PDB file of N, CA and C in Angstrom:
ATOM      1  N   MET A   1       7.549  -7.141  19.252  1.00  0.00           N
ATOM      2  CA  MET A   1       6.274  -7.005  18.606  1.00  0.00           C
ATOM      3  C   MET A   1       6.277  -7.847  17.323  1.00  0.00           C
ATOM      4  N   THR A   2       5.430  -8.825  17.248  1.00  0.00           N
ATOM      5  CA  THR A   2       5.381  -9.680  16.074  1.00  0.00           C
ATOM      6  C   THR A   2       4.319  -9.186  15.104  1.00  0.00           C
ATOM      7  N   THR A   3       4.518  -9.517  13.853  1.00  0.00           N
ATOM      8  CA  THR A   3       3.582  -9.121  12.811  1.00  0.00           C
ATOM      9  C   THR A   3       3.459 -10.228  11.789  1.00  0.00           C
ATOM     10  N   ASN A   4       2.343 -10.282  11.120  1.00  0.00           N
ATOM     11  CA  ASN A   4       2.148 -11.279  10.084  1.00  0.00           C
ATOM     12  C   ASN A   4       2.363 -10.679   8.695  1.00  0.00           C
ATOM     13  N   LYS A   5       2.998  -9.546   8.624  1.00  0.00           N
ATOM     14  CA  LYS A   5       3.202  -8.859   7.352  1.00  0.00           C
ATOM     15  C   LYS A   5       4.436  -9.398   6.642  1.00  0.00           C
ATOM     16  N   LYS A   6       4.327  -9.522   5.341  1.00  0.00           N
ATOM     17  CA  LYS A   6       5.453  -9.950   4.502  1.00  0.00           C
ATOM     18  C   LYS A   6       6.412  -8.780   4.328  1.00  0.00           C
ATOM     19  N   VAL A   7       7.675  -9.083   4.274  1.00  0.00           N
ATOM     20  CA  VAL A   7       8.706  -8.078   4.062  1.00  0.00           C
ATOM     21  C   VAL A   7       9.259  -8.260   2.656  1.00  0.00           C
ATOM     22  N   PHE A   8       9.376  -7.152   1.917  1.00  0.00           N
ATOM     23  CA  PHE A   8       9.966  -7.211   0.585  1.00  0.00           C
ATOM     24  C   PHE A   8      10.554  -5.850   0.246  1.00  0.00           C
ATOM     25  N   THR A   9      11.390  -5.831  -0.771  1.00  0.00           N
ATOM     26  CA  THR A   9      12.012  -4.588  -1.209  1.00  0.00           C
ATOM     27  C   THR A   9      11.174  -3.980  -2.311  1.00  0.00           C
ATOM     28  N   LEU A  10      10.953  -2.686  -2.234  1.00  0.00           N
ATOM     29  CA  LEU A  10      10.211  -1.956  -3.254  1.00  0.00           C
ATOM     30  C   LEU A  10      11.097  -0.831  -3.752  1.00  0.00           C
ATOM     31  N   ARG A  11      11.306  -0.812  -5.051  1.00  0.00           N
ATOM     32  CA  ARG A  11      12.106   0.264  -5.635  1.00  0.00           C
ATOM     33  C   ARG A  11      11.162   1.247  -6.317  1.00  0.00           C
ATOM     34  N   LEU A  12      11.290   2.513  -5.958  1.00  0.00           N
ATOM     35  CA  LEU A  12      10.469   3.573  -6.543  1.00  0.00           C
ATOM     36  C   LEU A  12      11.382   4.626  -7.154  1.00  0.00           C
ATOM     37  N   ASN A  13      10.889   5.275  -8.210  1.00  0.00           N
ATOM     38  CA  ASN A  13      11.695   6.390  -8.689  1.00  0.00           C
ATOM     39  C   ASN A  13      11.606   7.506  -7.642  1.00  0.00           C
ATOM     40  N   GLU A  14      12.579   8.379  -7.670  1.00  0.00           N
ATOM     41  CA  GLU A  14      12.715   9.385  -6.612  1.00  0.00           C
ATOM     42  C   GLU A  14      11.497  10.300  -6.511  1.00  0.00           C
ATOM     43  N   ASN A  15      10.937  10.714  -7.651  1.00  0.00           N
ATOM     44  CA  ASN A  15       9.773  11.607  -7.615  1.00  0.00           C
ATOM     45  C   ASN A  15       8.588  10.953  -6.934  1.00  0.00           C
ATOM     46  N   ASN A  16       8.277   9.701  -7.287  1.00  0.00           N
ATOM     47  CA  ASN A  16       7.158   9.005  -6.653  1.00  0.00           C
ATOM     48  C   ASN A  16       7.395   8.824  -5.168  1.00  0.00           C
ATOM     49  N   PHE A  17       8.627   8.486  -4.781  1.00  0.00           N
ATOM     50  CA  PHE A  17       8.947   8.316  -3.365  1.00  0.00           C
ATOM     51  C   PHE A  17       8.705   9.610  -2.594  1.00  0.00           C
ATOM     52  N   GLU A  18       9.187  10.721  -3.126  1.00  0.00           N
ATOM     53  CA  GLU A  18       9.046  12.002  -2.443  1.00  0.00           C
ATOM     54  C   GLU A  18       7.573  12.420  -2.353  1.00  0.00           C
ATOM     55  N   LYS A  19       6.802  12.147  -3.396  1.00  0.00           N
ATOM     56  CA  LYS A  19       5.380  12.497  -3.367  1.00  0.00           C
ATOM     57  C   LYS A  19       4.632  11.640  -2.339  1.00  0.00           C
ATOM     58  N   ILE A  20       4.934  10.346  -2.294  1.00  0.00           N
ATOM     59  CA  ILE A  20       4.291   9.475  -1.298  1.00  0.00           C
ATOM     60  C   ILE A  20       4.701   9.903   0.103  1.00  0.00           C
ATOM     61  N   LYS A  21       5.947  10.294   0.267  1.00  0.00           N
ATOM     62  CA  LYS A  21       6.418  10.769   1.574  1.00  0.00           C
ATOM     63  C   LYS A  21       5.613  11.984   2.030  1.00  0.00           C
ATOM     64  N   ILE A  22       5.367  12.932   1.125  1.00  0.00           N
ATOM     65  CA  ILE A  22       4.589  14.128   1.464  1.00  0.00           C
ATOM     66  C   ILE A  22       3.153  13.753   1.820  1.00  0.00           C
ATOM     67  N   ILE A  23       2.546  12.866   1.024  1.00  0.00           N
ATOM     68  CA  ILE A  23       1.178  12.423   1.309  1.00  0.00           C
ATOM     69  C   ILE A  23       1.123  11.719   2.664  1.00  0.00           C
ATOM     70  N   ALA A  24       2.100  10.855   2.937  1.00  0.00           N
ATOM     71  CA  ALA A  24       2.143  10.130   4.210  1.00  0.00           C
ATOM     72  C   ALA A  24       2.237  11.095   5.379  1.00  0.00           C
ATOM     73  N   GLU A  25       3.079  12.103   5.260  1.00  0.00           N
ATOM     74  CA  GLU A  25       3.224  13.088   6.333  1.00  0.00           C
ATOM     75  C   GLU A  25       1.911  13.819   6.584  1.00  0.00           C
ATOM     76  N   LYS A  26       1.215  14.196   5.510  1.00  0.00           N
ATOM     77  CA  LYS A  26      -0.069  14.892   5.661  1.00  0.00           C
ATOM     78  C   LYS A  26      -1.114  14.000   6.306  1.00  0.00           C
ATOM     79  N   ASN A  27      -1.016  12.684   6.075  1.00  0.00           N
ATOM     80  CA  ASN A  27      -1.962  11.725   6.647  1.00  0.00           C
ATOM     81  C   ASN A  27      -1.480  11.141   7.973  1.00  0.00           C
ATOM     82  N   LYS A  28      -0.340  11.645   8.467  1.00  0.00           N
ATOM     83  CA  LYS A  28       0.249  11.183   9.729  1.00  0.00           C
ATOM     84  C   LYS A  28       0.486   9.661   9.710  1.00  0.00           C
ATOM     85  N   ARG A  29       1.014   9.190   8.566  1.00  0.00           N
ATOM     86  CA  ARG A  29       1.360   7.780   8.403  1.00  0.00           C
ATOM     87  C   ARG A  29       2.834   7.672   8.047  1.00  0.00           C
ATOM     88  N   SER A  30       3.377   6.493   8.299  1.00  0.00           N
ATOM     89  CA  SER A  30       4.712   6.208   7.778  1.00  0.00           C
ATOM     90  C   SER A  30       4.586   5.993   6.272  1.00  0.00           C
ATOM     91  N   ILE A  31       5.694   6.045   5.579  1.00  0.00           N
ATOM     92  CA  ILE A  31       5.673   5.796   4.141  1.00  0.00           C
ATOM     93  C   ILE A  31       5.156   4.392   3.867  1.00  0.00           C
ATOM     94  N   ALA A  32       5.613   3.422   4.625  1.00  0.00           N
ATOM     95  CA  ALA A  32       5.168   2.033   4.431  1.00  0.00           C
ATOM     96  C   ALA A  32       3.668   1.898   4.643  1.00  0.00           C
ATOM     97  N   MET A  33       3.137   2.537   5.679  1.00  0.00           N
ATOM     98  CA  MET A  33       1.703   2.451   5.939  1.00  0.00           C
ATOM     99  C   MET A  33       0.902   3.190   4.868  1.00  0.00           C
ATOM    100  N   GLN A  34       1.449   4.265   4.329  1.00  0.00           N
ATOM    101  CA  GLN A  34       0.766   4.972   3.248  1.00  0.00           C
ATOM    102  C   GLN A  34       0.705   4.106   2.000  1.00  0.00           C
ATOM    103  N   ILE A  35       1.806   3.446   1.672  1.00  0.00           N
ATOM    104  CA  ILE A  35       1.823   2.557   0.510  1.00  0.00           C
ATOM    105  C   ILE A  35       0.852   1.401   0.723  1.00  0.00           C
ATOM    106  N   GLU A  36       0.823   0.826   1.925  1.00  0.00           N
ATOM    107  CA  GLU A  36      -0.116  -0.252   2.218  1.00  0.00           C
ATOM    108  C   GLU A  36      -1.561   0.237   2.062  1.00  0.00           C
ATOM    109  N   TYR A  37      -1.856   1.431   2.549  1.00  0.00           N
ATOM    110  CA  TYR A  37      -3.192   2.004   2.426  1.00  0.00           C
ATOM    111  C   TYR A  37      -3.574   2.168   0.952  1.00  0.00           C
ATOM    112  N   LEU A  38      -2.657   2.688   0.143  1.00  0.00           N
ATOM    113  CA  LEU A  38      -2.933   2.873  -1.279  1.00  0.00           C
ATOM    114  C   LEU A  38      -3.186   1.547  -1.975  1.00  0.00           C
ATOM    115  N   ILE A  39      -2.430   0.528  -1.625  1.00  0.00           N
ATOM    116  CA  ILE A  39      -2.630  -0.799  -2.201  1.00  0.00           C
ATOM    117  C   ILE A  39      -3.997  -1.344  -1.806  1.00  0.00           C
ATOM    118  N   GLU A  40      -4.359  -1.199  -0.531  1.00  0.00           N
ATOM    119  CA  GLU A  40      -5.671  -1.675  -0.067  1.00  0.00           C
ATOM    120  C   GLU A  40      -6.799  -0.959  -0.811  1.00  0.00           C
ATOM    121  N   GLN A  41      -6.657   0.353  -1.019  1.00  0.00           N
ATOM    122  CA  GLN A  41      -7.674   1.109  -1.745  1.00  0.00           C
ATOM    123  C   GLN A  41      -7.807   0.597  -3.181  1.00  0.00           C
ATOM    124  N   HIS A  42      -6.682   0.312  -3.805  1.00  0.00           N
ATOM    125  CA  HIS A  42      -6.707  -0.182  -5.182  1.00  0.00           C
ATOM    126  C   HIS A  42      -7.348  -1.571  -5.254  1.00  0.00           C
ATOM    127  N   ILE A  43      -7.018  -2.441  -4.313  1.00  0.00           N
ATOM    128  CA  ILE A  43      -7.616  -3.781  -4.281  1.00  0.00           C
ATOM    129  C   ILE A  43      -9.120  -3.673  -4.094  1.00  0.00           C
ATOM    130  N   ASP A  44      -9.571  -2.825  -3.175  1.00  0.00           N
ATOM    131  CA  ASP A  44     -11.010  -2.637  -2.952  1.00  0.00           C
ATOM    132  C   ASP A  44     -11.699  -2.183  -4.241  1.00  0.00           C
ATOM    133  N   LYS A  45     -11.116  -1.216  -4.922  1.00  0.00           N
ATOM    134  CA  LYS A  45     -11.685  -0.713  -6.174  1.00  0.00           C
ATOM    135  C   LYS A  45     -11.729  -1.822  -7.217  1.00  0.00           C
ATOM    136  N   TYR A  46     -10.643  -2.560  -7.347  1.00  0.00           N
ATOM    137  CA  TYR A  46     -10.573  -3.653  -8.319  1.00  0.00           C
ATOM    138  C   TYR A  46     -11.658  -4.695  -8.046  1.00  0.00           C
ATOM    139  N   GLU A  47     -11.801  -5.079  -6.767  1.00  0.00           N
ATOM    140  CA  GLU A  47     -12.783  -6.106  -6.420  1.00  0.00           C
ATOM    141  C   GLU A  47     -14.217  -5.607  -6.629  1.00  0.00           C
ATOM    142  N   LYS A  48     -14.469  -4.341  -6.419  1.00  0.00           N
ATOM    143  CA  LYS A  48     -15.808  -3.801  -6.688  1.00  0.00           C
ATOM    144  C   LYS A  48     -16.134  -3.882  -8.175  1.00  0.00           C
ATOM    145  N   GLU A  49     -15.130  -3.686  -9.004  1.00  0.00           N
ATOM    146  CA  GLU A  49     -15.333  -3.699 -10.448  1.00  0.00           C
ATOM    147  C   GLU A  49     -15.288  -5.115 -11.040  1.00  0.00           C
ATOM    148  N   ASN A  50     -14.541  -6.024 -10.407  1.00  0.00           N
ATOM    149  CA  ASN A  50     -14.274  -7.333 -11.009  1.00  0.00           C
ATOM    150  C   ASN A  50     -14.662  -8.526 -10.155  1.00  0.00           C
ATOM    151  N   GLY A  51     -15.141  -8.296  -8.960  1.00  0.00           N
ATOM    152  CA  GLY A  51     -15.477  -9.377  -8.052  1.00  0.00           C
ATOM    153  C   GLY A  51     -14.327  -9.698  -7.107  1.00  0.00           C
ATOM    154  N   THR A  52     -14.674 -10.389  -6.049  1.00  0.00           N
ATOM    155  CA  THR A  52     -13.704 -10.736  -5.019  1.00  0.00           C
ATOM    156  C   THR A  52     -12.606 -11.637  -5.566  1.00  0.00           C
ATOM    157  N   ILE A  53     -11.388 -11.343  -5.216  1.00  0.00           N
ATOM    158  CA  ILE A  53     -10.252 -12.175  -5.595  1.00  0.00           C
ATOM    159  C   ILE A  53     -10.203 -13.349  -4.636  1.00  0.00           C
ATOM    160  N   GLN A  54     -10.258 -14.552  -5.168  1.00  0.00           N
ATOM    161  CA  GLN A  54     -10.216 -15.753  -4.338  1.00  0.00           C
ATOM    162  C   GLN A  54      -8.757 -16.154  -4.103  1.00  0.00           C
ATOM    163  N   LEU A  55      -8.399 -16.336  -2.848  1.00  0.00           N
ATOM    164  CA  LEU A  55      -7.057 -16.763  -2.481  1.00  0.00           C
ATOM    165  C   LEU A  55      -7.042 -18.262  -2.223  1.00  0.00           C
ATOM    166  N   ASN A  56      -6.008 -18.909  -2.673  1.00  0.00           N
ATOM    167  CA  ASN A  56      -5.829 -20.332  -2.386  1.00  0.00           C
ATOM    168  C   ASN A  56      -5.015 -20.461  -1.108  1.00  0.00           C
ATOM    169  N   ASP A  57      -5.646 -21.029  -0.070  1.00  0.00           N
ATOM    170  CA  ASP A  57      -4.952 -21.141   1.219  1.00  0.00           C
ATOM    171  C   ASP A  57      -4.098 -22.365   1.288  1.00  0.00           C
TER     172      ASP A  57
END
């Protein structure tokens, strides 16, 4: 199964990791998918407040 997702290491303090793990379980997501969802939500909020972020291709 191929994916176009970037791979990187993310270091979290233990409390934040455990809290995200609990939220992910309640949402029936993996921890990685929960973090991705939270990032997407933050980007959407940011762009609504500040305009679309233009990417250089």
